Amino acid sequence: ENLKFFVSANLTLFDFDEKEATKEFVNLKKEYDNIFNLESNHPFEWRFEFPEILDDDGNFKGFDLIIGNPPYIRQEELKELKPHLAKNYKVYKGTSDIYTYFYELGFNVLKDNGVLSYITSNKYTRAGYGEALREFLLKNVKVLEYTDLNGIKVFDSATVDTSILCFEKSKSKDNKFKYLALSNEILKTCAYDIGLYKDFAEFSQNSLSKESFTFSDENTSALKAKIERIGTPLKEWQGLNIYRGILTGYNEAFIITTEKRNEILANCKDEAEKERTAKLIRKMLRGRDIKRYSYEWAGLWVIGTFPSLKLDIEQYPALKQYLSQFLPRIEQSGEKGCRKKTSNKWFETQDNIAYYEEFEKEKIVWNRISSDLCFSYDNQKNFILDSMFSITFYSNINLKYLIANLNSSISKFWIKNNAATLGDGIYGAKIYIEKLPIPKINSKNQKLVDELINLVDEILKAKEQNKNASTQELENKINSLTYKLYNLTEDEIKIIVNKEQKWKI
């Protein structure tokens, strides 16, 4: 009654909802109890537990050492925190996972010359969202050690690749730090005590940049720089487009077998409807269908009801009947058990896909995450899913020249040294592939270009005749030609070959 009297006395413009107000009051009381019952919950007050980090006047001096395993929470779950993070952290990036902010927080509570050591996801070293953090670290700390755990499972519940960064809160113009790419073999050698391992590599902190933390020896770094000097990043090629595949929001409804496609078409009332419907159901490729140069179609189709087409579903009764059985699951309302909230209609795909016509062109396709990044040539108008990307051209550039380079050992070397890794896999997202440097075609290299195109034609012909045909000899010839394309020396070729052999182990 007191609550009702208070609210009614103070609210004149809004209706009073007693049920809602009571609910809010209960929540407020819980918060109140939580705050004022802290003492009985045995709170940790570090200023009392560690008085030595305060000076004689009680001012905070900082910790000598911080060791931690910050939480890993994806940025999609941080919506309510983002305004606070943006206001209080220099390393803020809207797409950053929460562990990145703990580096700045740890730095702030370290005393000068104090040491911090964290085990976290290693994605910040190369991902776009890590650029602000990389810049912050390079400006403010002296890296002491970096251990890449190389997909070794440290935590049973963690699905991300991890690394250990150890730094000192000080600056150094020409700092050298220890680096270890950990492997199971190394762990066995030192009886699972890394402290006993002596063969750490040594790198200069000056070799790191805000663009990427790439840990390479001098010869590898020099070779990488040469490749970048001779080639031109794909994003600078006029007429080249890279597109992500189709996000349906619910593949169980929109991806169908040939049998189901035939059933839907058989339910069309006349030939006109059947023709309209057939145009919307397109052959599609999944990531697992992609092989080197070629692909193996699994007999699957995607229902291409793209919002950009502005379709009237009433013109497709058989398709409407099929899709309606998945209601309310395919509603785009954001409600529990439905697809995410969009302005699209229930029968449409989740993404707009205004570029759907690009999939009908000659193109190169690849899976975003793969143990051995493979690029496939497609001129059969296949559509692809959102786990994949495609390259198309609207200028007169031969895609077969491009795919020869993409599948070459040189490209694999460059991608492995620049892209993020996931366990044994490579993360071939657009942000990495568009930076891949490939020599543009000119009068000086035209002969090599023609030879590469001819070899790709031979590979495609062999795969068409027998999908299991061995094309290794042809691919070896392509590698030899690409080495010439980049003017590599015998020593530089050895670096790539040796790296490739290690990746295969």
Protein backbone atom coordinates (compact mmCIF):
# COMPACT_ATOMS: atom_id res chain seq x y z
CA GLU A 1 0.00 0.00 0.00
CA ASN A 2 2.87 2.37 0.84
CA LEU A 3 4.50 1.62 -2.52
CA LYS A 4 1.23 2.27 -4.36
CA PHE A 5 0.71 5.55 -2.50
CA PHE A 6 4.26 6.74 -3.25
CA VAL A 7 4.10 5.99 -6.96
CA SER A 8 0.60 7.40 -7.45
CA ALA A 9 1.64 10.58 -5.66
CA ASN A 10 4.66 11.08 -7.89
CA LEU A 11 3.45 9.90 -11.30
CA THR A 12 0.91 12.07 -13.01
CA LEU A 13 1.63 11.49 -16.70
CA PHE A 14 1.78 7.69 -16.74
CA ASP A 15 -0.57 4.89 -15.75
CA PHE A 16 0.45 2.92 -12.67
CA ASP A 17 0.93 -0.82 -13.16
CA GLU A 18 0.91 -2.31 -9.66
CA LYS A 19 2.03 -5.76 -10.83
CA GLU A 20 4.99 -4.37 -12.79
CA ALA A 21 5.96 -1.94 -10.01
CA THR A 22 5.91 -4.71 -7.40
CA LYS A 23 8.13 -6.82 -9.61
CA GLU A 24 10.63 -3.95 -9.98
CA PHE A 25 10.54 -3.32 -6.24
CA VAL A 26 11.45 -6.98 -5.56
CA ASN A 27 14.40 -6.68 -7.95
CA LEU A 28 15.57 -3.47 -6.28
CA LYS A 29 15.36 -5.09 -2.85
CA LYS A 30 17.50 -7.99 -4.06
CA GLU A 31 20.13 -5.54 -5.31
CA TYR A 32 19.99 -3.67 -1.99
CA ASP A 33 20.46 -6.90 -0.03
CA ASN A 34 23.37 -7.95 -2.24
CA ILE A 35 25.16 -4.66 -1.65
CA PHE A 36 24.66 -4.46 2.10
CA ASN A 37 25.25 -8.16 2.81
CA LEU A 38 28.75 -8.15 1.32
CA GLU A 39 30.40 -8.47 4.71
CA SER A 40 28.70 -11.79 5.45
CA ASN A 41 29.80 -13.08 2.01
CA HIS A 42 33.50 -12.72 2.89
CA PRO A 43 34.46 -10.15 0.25
CA PHE A 44 38.03 -9.84 -1.02
CA GLU A 45 39.40 -6.34 -0.41
CA TRP A 46 42.85 -6.28 -1.95
CA ARG A 47 43.93 -3.07 -0.20
CA PHE A 48 43.58 -4.87 3.15
CA GLU A 49 45.02 -8.16 1.88
CA PHE A 50 48.02 -6.49 0.18
CA PRO A 51 48.86 -3.33 2.16
CA GLU A 52 52.37 -3.35 0.67
CA ILE A 53 50.99 -2.04 -2.64
CA LEU A 54 50.00 1.21 -0.90
CA ASP A 55 52.41 3.96 0.06
CA ASP A 56 52.52 5.55 3.52
CA ASP A 57 49.66 7.88 2.59
CA GLY A 58 47.46 5.00 1.39
CA ASN A 59 47.92 5.76 -2.29
CA PHE A 60 47.97 2.86 -4.72
CA LYS A 61 51.47 2.03 -6.00
CA GLY A 62 50.68 -1.00 -8.14
CA PHE A 63 51.39 -4.72 -8.22
CA ASP A 64 54.84 -6.20 -8.86
CA LEU A 65 53.41 -9.22 -10.66
CA ILE A 66 50.06 -10.12 -12.22
CA ILE A 67 49.31 -13.63 -13.48
CA GLY A 68 45.93 -14.34 -14.97
CA ASN A 69 43.56 -16.22 -17.23
CA PRO A 70 41.01 -13.56 -18.23
CA PRO A 71 37.52 -14.76 -19.11
CA TYR A 72 36.67 -15.44 -22.73
CA ILE A 73 33.29 -13.91 -23.55
CA ARG A 74 32.36 -13.20 -27.16
CA GLN A 75 31.60 -9.57 -28.03
CA GLU A 76 28.00 -10.43 -28.99
CA GLU A 77 27.31 -11.03 -25.30
CA LEU A 78 28.76 -7.69 -24.18
CA LYS A 79 26.08 -5.33 -25.51
CA GLU A 80 25.25 -3.79 -22.13
CA LEU A 81 28.93 -3.37 -21.23
CA LYS A 82 30.06 -1.74 -24.48
CA PRO A 83 29.24 1.91 -23.55
CA HIS A 84 31.33 1.51 -20.38
CA LEU A 85 34.18 -0.19 -22.25
CA ALA A 86 34.20 2.45 -24.98
CA LYS A 87 34.42 5.23 -22.39
CA ASN A 88 37.10 3.70 -20.19
CA TYR A 89 39.46 1.67 -22.40
CA LYS A 90 41.91 2.89 -25.03
CA VAL A 91 41.96 -0.58 -26.63
CA TYR A 92 38.19 -0.56 -27.18
CA LYS A 93 36.90 -2.02 -30.41
CA GLY A 94 33.24 -2.89 -30.88
CA THR A 95 34.03 -6.41 -32.03
CA SER A 96 36.62 -7.22 -29.32
CA ASP A 97 36.10 -10.13 -26.96
CA ILE A 98 36.28 -9.21 -23.29
CA TYR A 99 39.73 -10.69 -22.59
CA THR A 100 41.40 -7.88 -24.58
CA TYR A 101 40.37 -5.27 -21.99
CA PHE A 102 42.07 -7.22 -19.21
CA TYR A 103 45.44 -6.46 -20.80
CA GLU A 104 44.89 -2.72 -20.38
CA LEU A 105 43.36 -3.20 -16.93
CA GLY A 106 46.34 -5.31 -15.84
CA PHE A 107 48.75 -2.71 -17.22
CA ASN A 108 46.99 0.04 -15.25
CA VAL A 109 47.31 -1.75 -11.90
CA LEU A 110 50.96 -2.77 -12.42
CA LYS A 111 53.69 -0.67 -10.84
CA ASP A 112 56.45 0.64 -13.11
CA ASN A 113 58.71 -2.26 -14.15
CA GLY A 114 56.10 -4.71 -12.88
CA VAL A 115 55.46 -7.91 -14.86
CA LEU A 116 52.21 -9.29 -16.27
CA SER A 117 51.63 -12.78 -17.68
CA TYR A 118 48.28 -13.80 -19.21
CA ILE A 119 47.06 -16.87 -21.01
CA THR A 120 44.34 -15.87 -23.47
CA SER A 121 43.04 -16.50 -26.95
CA ASN A 122 45.79 -15.71 -29.48
CA LYS A 123 43.38 -14.12 -31.91
CA TYR A 124 44.25 -10.56 -30.84
CA THR A 125 47.69 -10.94 -32.47
CA ARG A 126 46.23 -10.88 -35.99
CA ALA A 127 42.49 -10.17 -35.89
CA GLY A 128 41.22 -6.76 -36.93
CA TYR A 129 39.70 -6.14 -33.49
CA GLY A 130 43.14 -6.54 -31.90
CA GLU A 131 44.76 -3.60 -33.70
CA ALA A 132 44.13 -1.09 -30.90
CA LEU A 133 45.49 -3.55 -28.33
CA ARG A 134 48.57 -4.32 -30.44
CA GLU A 135 49.28 -0.60 -30.79
CA PHE A 136 48.80 -0.09 -27.03
CA LEU A 137 51.23 -2.89 -26.17
CA LEU A 138 53.89 -1.72 -28.63
CA LYS A 139 53.79 1.82 -27.21
CA ASN A 140 53.71 0.95 -23.53
CA VAL A 141 55.33 -2.37 -22.66
CA LYS A 142 58.47 -4.43 -23.10
CA VAL A 143 57.55 -7.91 -24.31
CA LEU A 144 59.51 -10.55 -22.37
CA GLU A 145 58.12 -13.83 -23.70
CA TYR A 146 55.44 -15.05 -26.08
CA THR A 147 54.44 -18.72 -26.15
CA ASP A 148 52.07 -19.85 -28.89
CA LEU A 149 50.29 -23.00 -27.75
CA ASN A 150 49.60 -23.97 -31.38
CA GLY A 151 46.23 -25.60 -30.86
CA ILE A 152 47.33 -27.61 -27.79
CA LYS A 153 44.28 -28.05 -25.58
CA VAL A 154 45.15 -26.41 -22.26
CA PHE A 155 41.57 -26.11 -21.06
CA ASP A 156 39.06 -28.88 -21.79
CA SER A 157 36.17 -26.44 -22.13
CA ALA A 158 37.98 -23.90 -24.33
CA THR A 159 37.47 -24.03 -28.09
CA VAL A 160 39.88 -21.20 -28.96
CA ASP A 161 43.61 -21.37 -29.61
CA THR A 162 45.61 -19.86 -26.77
CA SER A 163 48.93 -18.19 -26.13
CA ILE A 164 50.87 -16.80 -23.17
CA LEU A 165 52.11 -13.21 -23.26
CA CYS A 166 54.52 -11.95 -20.63
CA PHE A 167 55.47 -8.27 -20.55
CA GLU A 168 57.11 -5.66 -18.34
CA LYS A 169 55.60 -2.23 -17.71
CA SER A 170 58.46 -0.28 -19.24
CA LYS A 171 59.58 0.95 -22.64
CA SER A 172 62.55 -0.12 -24.72
CA LYS A 173 63.74 1.16 -28.10
CA ASP A 174 65.27 -2.12 -29.24
CA ASN A 175 63.84 -4.87 -27.07
CA LYS A 176 64.46 -8.58 -27.75
CA PHE A 177 62.01 -11.17 -26.45
CA LYS A 178 61.80 -14.97 -26.24
CA TYR A 179 59.40 -16.85 -28.51
CA LEU A 180 58.26 -20.46 -28.41
CA ALA A 181 55.87 -22.24 -30.76
CA LEU A 182 54.89 -25.04 -28.42
CA SER A 183 54.21 -28.54 -29.71
CA ASN A 184 53.48 -31.93 -28.17
CA GLU A 185 57.00 -33.01 -29.11
CA ILE A 186 58.51 -30.11 -27.15
CA LEU A 187 56.29 -30.90 -24.16
CA LYS A 188 57.53 -34.50 -24.15
CA THR A 189 61.15 -33.37 -24.52
CA CYS A 190 60.97 -31.17 -21.41
CA ALA A 191 58.72 -33.58 -19.46
CA TYR A 192 55.82 -31.09 -19.66
CA ASP A 193 57.80 -28.42 -17.79
CA ILE A 194 58.33 -25.53 -20.23
CA GLY A 195 60.75 -23.96 -17.76
CA LEU A 196 63.23 -26.72 -18.63
CA TYR A 197 63.12 -25.96 -22.35
CA LYS A 198 66.14 -23.96 -23.52
CA ASP A 199 65.72 -23.45 -27.27
CA PHE A 200 63.51 -20.37 -27.31
CA ALA A 201 63.78 -18.26 -30.45
CA GLU A 202 64.65 -14.58 -30.01
CA PHE A 203 62.80 -11.84 -31.88
CA SER A 204 63.03 -8.08 -31.95
CA GLN A 205 59.98 -6.22 -30.68
CA ASN A 206 60.52 -3.84 -33.61
CA SER A 207 59.52 -6.68 -35.94
CA LEU A 208 55.97 -6.49 -34.56
CA SER A 209 53.48 -3.96 -35.88
CA LYS A 210 49.99 -2.80 -35.03
CA GLU A 211 48.83 -4.41 -38.30
CA SER A 212 49.85 -7.86 -37.07
CA PHE A 213 52.00 -9.63 -34.51
CA THR A 214 53.80 -12.04 -36.83
CA PHE A 215 56.52 -14.04 -35.10
CA SER A 216 59.13 -14.84 -37.73
CA ASP A 217 62.89 -15.13 -37.91
CA GLU A 218 64.82 -12.59 -40.01
CA ASN A 219 64.98 -14.81 -43.12
CA THR A 220 61.26 -15.55 -43.01
CA SER A 221 60.43 -11.88 -42.45
CA ALA A 222 62.66 -10.86 -45.37
CA LEU A 223 60.99 -13.42 -47.65
CA LYS A 224 57.54 -12.26 -46.61
CA ALA A 225 58.55 -8.65 -47.33
CA LYS A 226 59.82 -9.64 -50.79
CA ILE A 227 56.55 -11.40 -51.64
CA GLU A 228 54.65 -8.27 -50.56
CA ARG A 229 56.97 -6.04 -52.58
CA ILE A 230 56.54 -7.99 -55.83
CA GLY A 231 52.85 -8.79 -55.48
CA THR A 232 49.84 -6.49 -55.28
CA PRO A 233 47.18 -7.09 -52.58
CA LEU A 234 44.02 -8.50 -54.15
CA LYS A 235 41.93 -5.67 -52.70
CA GLU A 236 43.87 -3.27 -54.96
CA TRP A 237 43.04 -5.22 -58.13
CA GLN A 238 40.52 -3.21 -60.11
CA GLY A 239 37.38 -5.19 -60.85
CA LEU A 240 37.97 -7.88 -58.23
CA ASN A 241 35.16 -8.60 -55.76
CA ILE A 242 35.11 -10.87 -52.72
CA TYR A 243 31.71 -11.90 -51.37
CA ARG A 244 30.57 -14.02 -48.46
CA GLY A 245 28.12 -16.84 -49.11
CA ILE A 246 24.45 -17.03 -48.13
CA LEU A 247 23.30 -16.84 -44.52
CA THR A 248 19.87 -18.48 -44.41
CA GLY A 249 19.42 -18.36 -40.64
CA TYR A 250 18.06 -21.92 -40.66
CA ASN A 251 19.72 -24.32 -43.07
CA GLU A 252 17.40 -27.18 -42.12
CA ALA A 253 14.63 -25.38 -44.04
CA PHE A 254 16.52 -23.65 -46.84
CA ILE A 255 19.04 -26.36 -47.79
CA ILE A 256 17.33 -29.30 -49.52
CA THR A 257 18.20 -32.51 -51.34
CA THR A 258 17.54 -33.17 -55.02
CA GLU A 259 14.67 -35.45 -53.97
CA LYS A 260 13.01 -32.66 -51.97
CA ARG A 261 13.55 -30.18 -54.82
CA ASN A 262 11.81 -32.54 -57.23
CA GLU A 263 8.96 -32.98 -54.76
CA ILE A 264 8.44 -29.20 -54.46
CA LEU A 265 8.48 -28.77 -58.25
CA ALA A 266 6.04 -31.69 -58.66
CA ASN A 267 3.60 -29.86 -56.35
CA CYS A 268 3.52 -26.78 -58.60
CA LYS A 269 0.08 -26.34 -60.17
CA ASP A 270 1.34 -25.48 -63.68
CA GLU A 271 4.47 -25.11 -65.78
CA ALA A 272 4.67 -21.35 -65.17
CA GLU A 273 4.84 -21.83 -61.39
CA LYS A 274 7.31 -24.69 -61.81
CA GLU A 275 9.57 -22.51 -63.95
CA ARG A 276 9.42 -19.61 -61.46
CA THR A 277 10.13 -21.91 -58.53
CA ALA A 278 12.99 -23.74 -60.25
CA LYS A 279 14.77 -20.41 -60.76
CA LEU A 280 14.79 -19.86 -56.98
CA ILE A 281 16.19 -23.28 -56.07
CA ARG A 282 19.88 -23.22 -56.90
CA LYS A 283 22.72 -25.73 -56.74
CA MET A 284 24.91 -25.04 -53.74
CA LEU A 285 28.30 -25.98 -52.33
CA ARG A 286 29.31 -26.47 -48.71
CA GLY A 287 32.79 -25.95 -47.29
CA ARG A 288 33.43 -29.70 -47.15
CA ASP A 289 32.70 -29.97 -50.89
CA ILE A 290 35.70 -27.79 -51.78
CA LYS A 291 38.88 -29.48 -53.01
CA ARG A 292 42.03 -28.07 -54.60
CA TYR A 293 40.99 -26.57 -57.95
CA SER A 294 37.77 -28.62 -58.13
CA TYR A 295 34.79 -29.54 -55.96
CA GLU A 296 32.47 -32.47 -55.32
CA TRP A 297 28.80 -31.46 -55.43
CA ALA A 298 26.78 -33.31 -52.78
CA GLY A 299 23.43 -33.00 -54.57
CA LEU A 300 22.22 -30.15 -52.35
CA TRP A 301 20.24 -27.05 -53.27
CA VAL A 302 19.54 -23.71 -51.57
CA ILE A 303 16.17 -21.99 -51.67
CA GLY A 304 17.15 -18.49 -52.76
CA THR A 305 14.29 -16.41 -51.42
CA PHE A 306 16.57 -13.42 -50.97
CA PRO A 307 15.01 -10.23 -49.52
CA SER A 308 16.66 -8.24 -52.32
CA LEU A 309 14.39 -10.05 -54.83
CA LYS A 310 11.26 -8.59 -53.15
CA LEU A 311 9.30 -11.77 -53.87
CA ASP A 312 5.57 -12.26 -53.53
CA ILE A 313 5.35 -15.70 -51.89
CA GLU A 314 1.79 -16.09 -53.18
CA GLN A 315 3.31 -16.55 -56.63
CA TYR A 316 5.07 -19.68 -55.31
CA PRO A 317 2.34 -21.81 -53.63
CA ALA A 318 4.34 -25.06 -53.61
CA LEU A 319 7.36 -23.31 -52.07
CA LYS A 320 5.14 -21.55 -49.54
CA GLN A 321 3.59 -24.86 -48.56
CA TYR A 322 7.02 -26.41 -48.03
CA LEU A 323 8.49 -23.50 -46.01
CA SER A 324 5.38 -22.99 -43.87
CA GLN A 325 5.96 -26.34 -42.15
CA PHE A 326 8.98 -24.71 -40.46
CA LEU A 327 6.93 -21.96 -38.82
CA PRO A 328 7.35 -20.43 -36.31
CA ARG A 329 11.03 -21.49 -36.33
CA ILE A 330 11.84 -19.44 -39.45
CA GLU A 331 10.05 -16.29 -38.30
CA GLN A 332 12.59 -13.45 -38.18
CA SER A 333 11.24 -12.02 -34.94
CA GLY A 334 14.13 -12.54 -32.56
CA GLU A 335 11.81 -14.47 -30.26
CA LYS A 336 13.08 -17.59 -28.52
CA GLY A 337 13.19 -20.48 -30.95
CA CYS A 338 13.03 -18.20 -34.01
CA ARG A 339 15.60 -16.59 -36.27
CA LYS A 340 17.24 -13.30 -35.27
CA LYS A 341 15.14 -10.17 -35.57
CA THR A 342 15.29 -8.53 -39.01
CA SER A 343 12.91 -6.59 -41.23
CA ASN A 344 12.78 -9.54 -43.64
CA LYS A 345 9.75 -11.74 -44.22
CA TRP A 346 9.34 -15.20 -42.77
CA PHE A 347 10.01 -17.02 -46.05
CA GLU A 348 13.14 -15.00 -46.91
CA THR A 349 16.77 -15.74 -46.11
CA GLN A 350 18.27 -13.93 -43.13
CA ASP A 351 20.72 -11.86 -45.19
CA ASN A 352 19.66 -9.55 -48.00
CA ILE A 353 22.11 -11.03 -50.58
CA ALA A 354 21.83 -8.12 -53.04
CA TYR A 355 24.89 -9.55 -54.81
CA TYR A 356 23.31 -12.95 -55.60
CA GLU A 357 24.06 -12.54 -59.32
CA GLU A 358 27.79 -12.77 -58.51
CA PHE A 359 27.31 -16.46 -57.71
CA GLU A 360 26.13 -17.06 -61.28
CA LYS A 361 29.47 -15.88 -62.67
CA GLU A 362 32.75 -17.70 -63.20
CA LYS A 363 34.38 -17.59 -59.77
CA ILE A 364 36.84 -18.95 -57.26
CA VAL A 365 35.37 -20.31 -54.02
CA TRP A 366 36.90 -21.43 -50.74
CA ASN A 367 35.97 -22.47 -47.24
CA ARG A 368 36.65 -19.87 -44.54
CA ILE A 369 38.17 -22.38 -42.11
CA SER A 370 40.14 -25.34 -43.38
CA SER A 371 43.04 -27.54 -42.30
CA ASP A 372 44.58 -26.92 -45.73
CA LEU A 373 43.08 -23.85 -47.37
CA CYS A 374 41.82 -24.98 -50.80
CA PHE A 375 40.59 -22.77 -53.63
CA SER A 376 38.18 -24.20 -56.19
CA TYR A 377 37.28 -23.02 -59.69
CA ASP A 378 33.55 -22.88 -60.51
CA ASN A 379 31.86 -21.97 -63.77
CA GLN A 380 28.63 -23.88 -63.10
CA LYS A 381 26.73 -21.11 -61.28
CA ASN A 382 26.83 -22.82 -57.89
CA PHE A 383 25.73 -20.80 -54.86
CA ILE A 384 27.68 -21.04 -51.60
CA LEU A 385 26.91 -20.86 -47.88
CA ASP A 386 28.05 -18.19 -45.42
CA SER A 387 31.00 -20.33 -44.25
CA MET A 388 32.56 -19.65 -47.65
CA PHE A 389 33.76 -16.80 -49.87
CA SER A 390 33.95 -16.22 -53.60
CA ILE A 391 36.10 -14.10 -55.92
CA THR A 392 34.69 -12.70 -59.16
CA PHE A 393 35.98 -10.19 -61.70
CA TYR A 394 34.13 -7.71 -63.88
CA SER A 395 37.30 -6.86 -65.81
CA ASN A 396 39.24 -9.02 -68.25
CA ILE A 397 41.40 -10.95 -65.76
CA ASN A 398 41.85 -14.69 -66.06
CA LEU A 399 40.68 -16.39 -62.86
CA LYS A 400 42.74 -19.46 -63.70
CA TYR A 401 45.92 -17.41 -63.29
CA LEU A 402 44.63 -16.27 -59.93
CA ILE A 403 43.69 -19.74 -58.67
CA ALA A 404 47.13 -21.08 -59.65
CA ASN A 405 48.63 -18.52 -57.29
CA LEU A 406 46.04 -19.03 -54.55
CA ASN A 407 46.72 -22.77 -54.40
CA SER A 408 50.50 -22.35 -54.60
CA SER A 409 53.01 -22.99 -51.82
CA ILE A 410 53.94 -19.29 -51.83
CA SER A 411 50.39 -18.24 -51.01
CA LYS A 412 50.09 -20.90 -48.33
CA PHE A 413 53.34 -19.63 -46.80
CA TRP A 414 52.11 -16.02 -46.80
CA ILE A 415 48.63 -16.88 -45.49
CA LYS A 416 50.03 -19.08 -42.71
CA ASN A 417 52.26 -16.20 -41.61
CA ASN A 418 49.50 -13.59 -41.66
CA ALA A 419 46.09 -15.14 -41.06
CA ALA A 420 44.67 -16.28 -37.74
CA THR A 421 44.90 -20.00 -37.00
CA LEU A 422 42.33 -22.24 -35.35
CA GLY A 423 44.02 -25.40 -34.08
CA ASP A 424 45.50 -27.04 -37.14
CA GLY A 425 43.24 -24.97 -39.38
CA ILE A 426 43.69 -21.69 -41.24
CA TYR A 427 41.20 -18.85 -40.93
CA GLY A 428 40.86 -17.70 -44.54
CA ALA A 429 38.45 -14.83 -43.99
CA LYS A 430 38.13 -11.97 -46.45
CA ILE A 431 40.25 -9.62 -44.29
CA TYR A 432 43.25 -11.90 -44.84
CA ILE A 433 42.76 -13.12 -48.41
CA GLU A 434 42.16 -9.60 -49.76
CA LYS A 435 45.66 -8.65 -48.51
CA LEU A 436 47.34 -11.58 -50.29
CA PRO A 437 49.97 -10.10 -52.66
CA ILE A 438 49.89 -11.61 -56.18
CA PRO A 439 51.88 -10.19 -59.12
CA LYS A 440 49.73 -8.39 -61.66
CA ILE A 441 49.93 -9.55 -65.27
CA ASN A 442 52.31 -7.54 -67.48
CA SER A 443 54.39 -7.97 -70.62
CA LYS A 444 57.37 -9.25 -68.62
CA ASN A 445 55.54 -12.12 -66.92
CA GLN A 446 52.94 -12.90 -69.62
CA LYS A 447 54.73 -16.11 -70.70
CA LEU A 448 54.71 -17.44 -67.12
CA VAL A 449 51.06 -16.45 -66.77
CA ASP A 450 50.11 -18.38 -69.92
CA GLU A 451 51.96 -21.47 -68.68
CA LEU A 452 50.15 -21.29 -65.33
CA ILE A 453 46.76 -21.02 -67.03
CA ASN A 454 47.54 -24.03 -69.24
CA LEU A 455 48.51 -26.10 -66.20
CA VAL A 456 45.27 -25.17 -64.42
CA ASP A 457 43.32 -26.25 -67.53
CA GLU A 458 45.11 -29.61 -67.41
CA ILE A 459 44.25 -30.04 -63.72
CA LEU A 460 40.58 -29.17 -64.28
CA LYS A 461 40.36 -31.55 -67.23
CA ALA A 462 41.92 -34.38 -65.22
CA LYS A 463 39.52 -33.78 -62.29
CA GLU A 464 36.54 -33.67 -64.63
CA GLN A 465 37.44 -37.07 -66.06
CA ASN A 466 38.26 -38.59 -62.68
CA LYS A 467 37.59 -36.70 -59.43
CA ASN A 468 40.27 -38.81 -57.69
CA ALA A 469 42.92 -38.14 -60.33
CA SER A 470 46.36 -37.28 -58.91
CA THR A 471 47.48 -33.85 -60.10
CA GLN A 472 50.49 -33.48 -57.82
CA GLU A 473 52.97 -33.39 -60.70
CA LEU A 474 51.04 -30.55 -62.35
CA GLU A 475 50.81 -28.69 -59.04
CA ASN A 476 54.57 -29.06 -58.54
CA LYS A 477 55.07 -27.41 -61.93
CA ILE A 478 52.76 -24.57 -60.84
CA ASN A 479 54.87 -24.07 -57.71
CA SER A 480 58.04 -23.90 -59.79
CA LEU A 481 56.50 -21.25 -62.05
CA THR A 482 55.23 -19.16 -59.13
CA TYR A 483 58.72 -19.20 -57.61
CA LYS A 484 59.93 -17.63 -60.87
CA LEU A 485 57.02 -15.19 -60.83
CA TYR A 486 58.27 -13.82 -57.48
CA ASN A 487 61.99 -14.11 -58.45
CA LEU A 488 62.77 -16.36 -55.48
CA THR A 489 66.29 -17.64 -54.86
CA GLU A 490 67.10 -21.27 -54.01
CA ASP A 491 67.51 -20.32 -50.35
CA GLU A 492 64.12 -18.59 -50.30
CA ILE A 493 62.47 -21.60 -51.93
CA LYS A 494 64.02 -23.83 -49.25
CA ILE A 495 62.40 -21.70 -46.53
CA ILE A 496 58.96 -22.31 -48.05
CA VAL A 497 59.56 -26.02 -48.67
CA ASN A 498 60.84 -26.58 -45.12
CA LYS A 499 57.89 -24.71 -43.62
CA GLU A 500 55.48 -26.75 -45.73
CA GLN A 501 57.02 -30.01 -44.56
CA LYS A 502 56.60 -28.95 -40.93
CA TRP A 503 52.92 -28.10 -41.52
CA LYS A 504 52.31 -31.60 -42.89
CA ILE A 505 53.74 -33.31 -39.78
